[in-house]
Protein backbone atom coordinates (compact mmCIF):
# COMPACT_ATOMS: atom_id res chain seq x y z
CA MET A 1 -6.46 13.89 48.02
CA ARG A 2 -3.22 13.14 46.29
CA PRO A 3 -2.27 15.04 43.16
CA ILE A 4 -1.97 13.06 39.93
CA ARG A 5 1.65 12.30 39.15
CA ILE A 6 2.90 12.70 35.61
CA VAL A 7 4.75 9.65 34.41
CA LYS A 8 8.40 10.45 34.08
CA ASN A 9 9.44 7.01 32.95
CA HIS A 10 10.38 7.50 29.30
CA LYS A 11 10.64 3.76 28.68
CA LEU A 12 6.99 3.28 29.63
CA ILE A 13 5.91 6.09 27.33
CA PHE A 14 7.93 4.57 24.47
CA VAL A 15 6.36 1.14 24.99
CA LEU A 16 2.88 2.66 25.04
CA PHE A 17 3.70 4.56 21.87
CA LEU A 18 4.81 1.35 20.15
CA CYS A 19 1.70 -0.50 21.26
CA PHE A 20 -0.81 2.10 20.16
CA CYS A 21 0.79 4.25 17.45
CA VAL A 22 3.11 2.14 15.31
CA PRO A 23 1.62 -0.08 12.61
CA PRO A 24 1.76 -3.76 13.53
CA ALA A 25 5.12 -4.40 11.85
CA PHE A 26 6.22 -6.72 14.61
CA ALA A 27 2.97 -8.63 14.99
CA ASN A 28 2.23 -9.17 11.32
CA ASN A 29 5.13 -8.20 9.08
CA LEU A 30 3.57 -9.43 5.84
CA LYS A 31 0.37 -7.47 6.40
CA THR A 32 2.37 -4.32 7.02
CA CYS A 33 4.63 -4.89 4.03
CA LEU A 34 1.72 -5.54 1.65
CA LYS A 35 0.36 -2.06 2.28
CA GLY A 36 3.30 -0.84 0.25
CA ASN A 37 3.66 2.42 2.15
CA PHE A 38 5.68 1.17 5.13
CA GLN A 39 8.90 0.25 3.34
CA ALA A 40 11.03 1.60 6.16
CA ILE A 41 9.51 -0.69 8.80
CA CYS A 42 8.85 -3.71 6.59
CA GLU A 43 11.28 -6.43 7.58
CA HIS A 44 12.05 -7.60 4.06
CA HIS A 45 14.57 -10.17 5.26
CA ARG A 46 11.76 -12.09 7.01
CA LEU A 47 9.71 -12.55 3.83
CA THR A 48 9.62 -15.73 1.80
CA PRO A 49 10.57 -15.34 -1.89
CA GLU A 50 6.87 -15.48 -2.86
CA GLN A 51 5.97 -12.86 -0.27
CA ALA A 52 8.86 -10.66 -1.42
CA VAL A 53 7.41 -10.65 -4.95
CA GLN A 54 3.98 -9.65 -3.60
CA VAL A 55 5.50 -6.90 -1.47
CA GLU A 56 7.57 -5.58 -4.38
CA LYS A 57 4.39 -5.28 -6.47
CA ALA A 58 2.59 -3.50 -3.61
CA GLU A 59 5.47 -1.08 -3.10
CA LEU A 60 5.66 -0.31 -6.82
CA ALA A 61 1.89 0.26 -6.98
CA TYR A 62 1.98 2.55 -3.96
CA ASN A 63 4.93 4.47 -5.40
CA LEU A 64 3.09 4.96 -8.71
CA LYS A 65 -0.03 6.13 -6.87
CA THR A 66 2.05 8.64 -4.89
CA CYS A 67 3.91 9.85 -7.97
CA LEU A 68 0.74 10.30 -10.04
CA LYS A 69 -0.56 12.83 -7.54
CA GLY A 70 2.06 15.11 -9.05
CA ASN A 71 2.74 17.11 -5.90
CA PHE A 72 5.03 14.66 -4.06
CA GLN A 73 8.09 14.85 -6.29
CA ALA A 74 10.46 14.63 -3.34
CA ILE A 75 9.11 11.26 -2.16
CA CYS A 76 8.33 9.80 -5.57
CA GLU A 77 10.91 7.14 -6.36
CA HIS A 78 11.29 7.95 -10.05
CA HIS A 79 13.92 5.24 -10.56
CA ARG A 80 11.29 2.57 -9.79
CA LEU A 81 8.93 3.67 -12.59
CA THR A 82 8.64 2.00 -15.97
CA PRO A 83 9.20 4.29 -18.99
CA GLU A 84 5.44 4.47 -19.61
CA GLN A 85 4.74 5.25 -15.95
CA ALA A 86 7.45 7.92 -16.00
CA LYS A 87 5.64 9.69 -18.85
CA ARG A 88 2.38 9.68 -16.90
CA VAL A 89 4.11 10.94 -13.76
CA ASN A 90 5.96 13.64 -15.69
CA ALA A 91 2.66 14.92 -17.07
CA ALA A 92 1.12 14.87 -13.58
CA GLU A 93 4.04 16.77 -12.09
CA LEU A 94 3.72 19.42 -14.80
CA GLY A 95 -0.04 19.61 -14.25
CA LEU A 96 -0.72 18.38 -17.78
CA PRO A 97 -3.30 15.80 -18.82
CA TYR A 98 -1.88 12.51 -19.98
CA ILE A 99 -3.58 10.94 -22.98
CA GLU A 100 -2.53 7.40 -23.65
CA LYS A 101 -2.20 6.72 -27.35
CA LYS A 102 -3.14 3.35 -28.78
CA PRO A 103 -0.67 1.69 -31.16
CA THR A 104 -1.41 2.10 -34.86
CA GLU A 105 -2.09 -0.88 -37.10
CA ASN A 106 1.36 -0.65 -38.71
CA SER A 107 3.44 -0.21 -35.59
CA THR A 108 3.74 -1.58 -32.10
CA SER A 109 4.04 1.88 -30.60
CA GLN A 110 2.62 5.29 -31.46
CA ILE A 111 6.01 6.84 -30.76
CA GLU A 112 7.54 4.77 -33.55
CA THR A 113 5.37 6.66 -36.07
CA LEU A 114 6.59 10.08 -34.87
CA HIS A 115 9.77 11.82 -35.94
CA GLU A 116 12.17 13.34 -33.45
CA CYS A 117 11.48 17.01 -32.65
CA SER A 118 14.11 19.37 -34.00
CA SER A 119 15.60 21.95 -31.63
CA GLU A 120 15.90 24.27 -34.66
CA LEU A 121 12.11 24.66 -34.96
CA GLU A 122 10.08 27.11 -32.88
CA VAL A 123 6.96 24.92 -32.94
CA TRP A 124 7.11 21.20 -32.26
CA ASN A 125 4.21 19.43 -33.96
CA ASN A 126 3.48 15.72 -34.28
CA CYS A 127 6.92 14.74 -33.05
CA TYR A 128 8.62 13.07 -30.10
CA GLY A 129 11.08 14.97 -27.94
CA VAL A 130 12.53 15.82 -24.56
CA HIS A 131 12.36 19.34 -23.13
CA GLN A 132 14.04 20.49 -19.92
CA TYR A 133 12.26 23.43 -18.23
CA ASP A 134 14.02 26.23 -16.33
CA ASP A 135 12.88 24.78 -12.97
CA GLY A 136 14.65 21.49 -13.74
CA SER A 137 11.54 19.46 -14.57
CA LYS A 138 11.55 17.50 -17.81
CA TYR A 139 8.89 16.42 -20.31
CA ASP A 140 9.70 13.37 -22.41
CA GLY A 141 6.97 12.54 -24.92
CA GLU A 142 4.82 13.59 -27.83
CA TRP A 143 4.39 17.20 -28.92
CA THR A 144 1.55 18.82 -30.85
CA ASP A 145 1.48 22.53 -31.82
CA ASN A 146 3.86 23.68 -29.06
């Protein structure tokens, strides 16, 4: 009986790896891109303008989903968030609940009805402000009895 030989051909191993382990970026680029989580292997230059819009939406949605988990700050692309999304993500990263306020009858935004929090006061109540914590995280939003 002959002993089993271990393949020492690294090229063969690499090809097998590509065939069985890498998402099908080469076979179906659009399908891969639309998942939103394979930005690094999505071949954006091969997309039509319509496909590029779809992919952008998918990537933004996946980024928001990742950011809202609150524990992936290093891979969250904060610069791609809308201001409203950034508030939700900030709350998630701080472990705080986010309560979306509905606009009042007299204003288009709840924030418009709030005054700016004063740094001279110990307690911020019914105001809008930005606070930077010692660890570098930041809360930008409404304050009540804090």
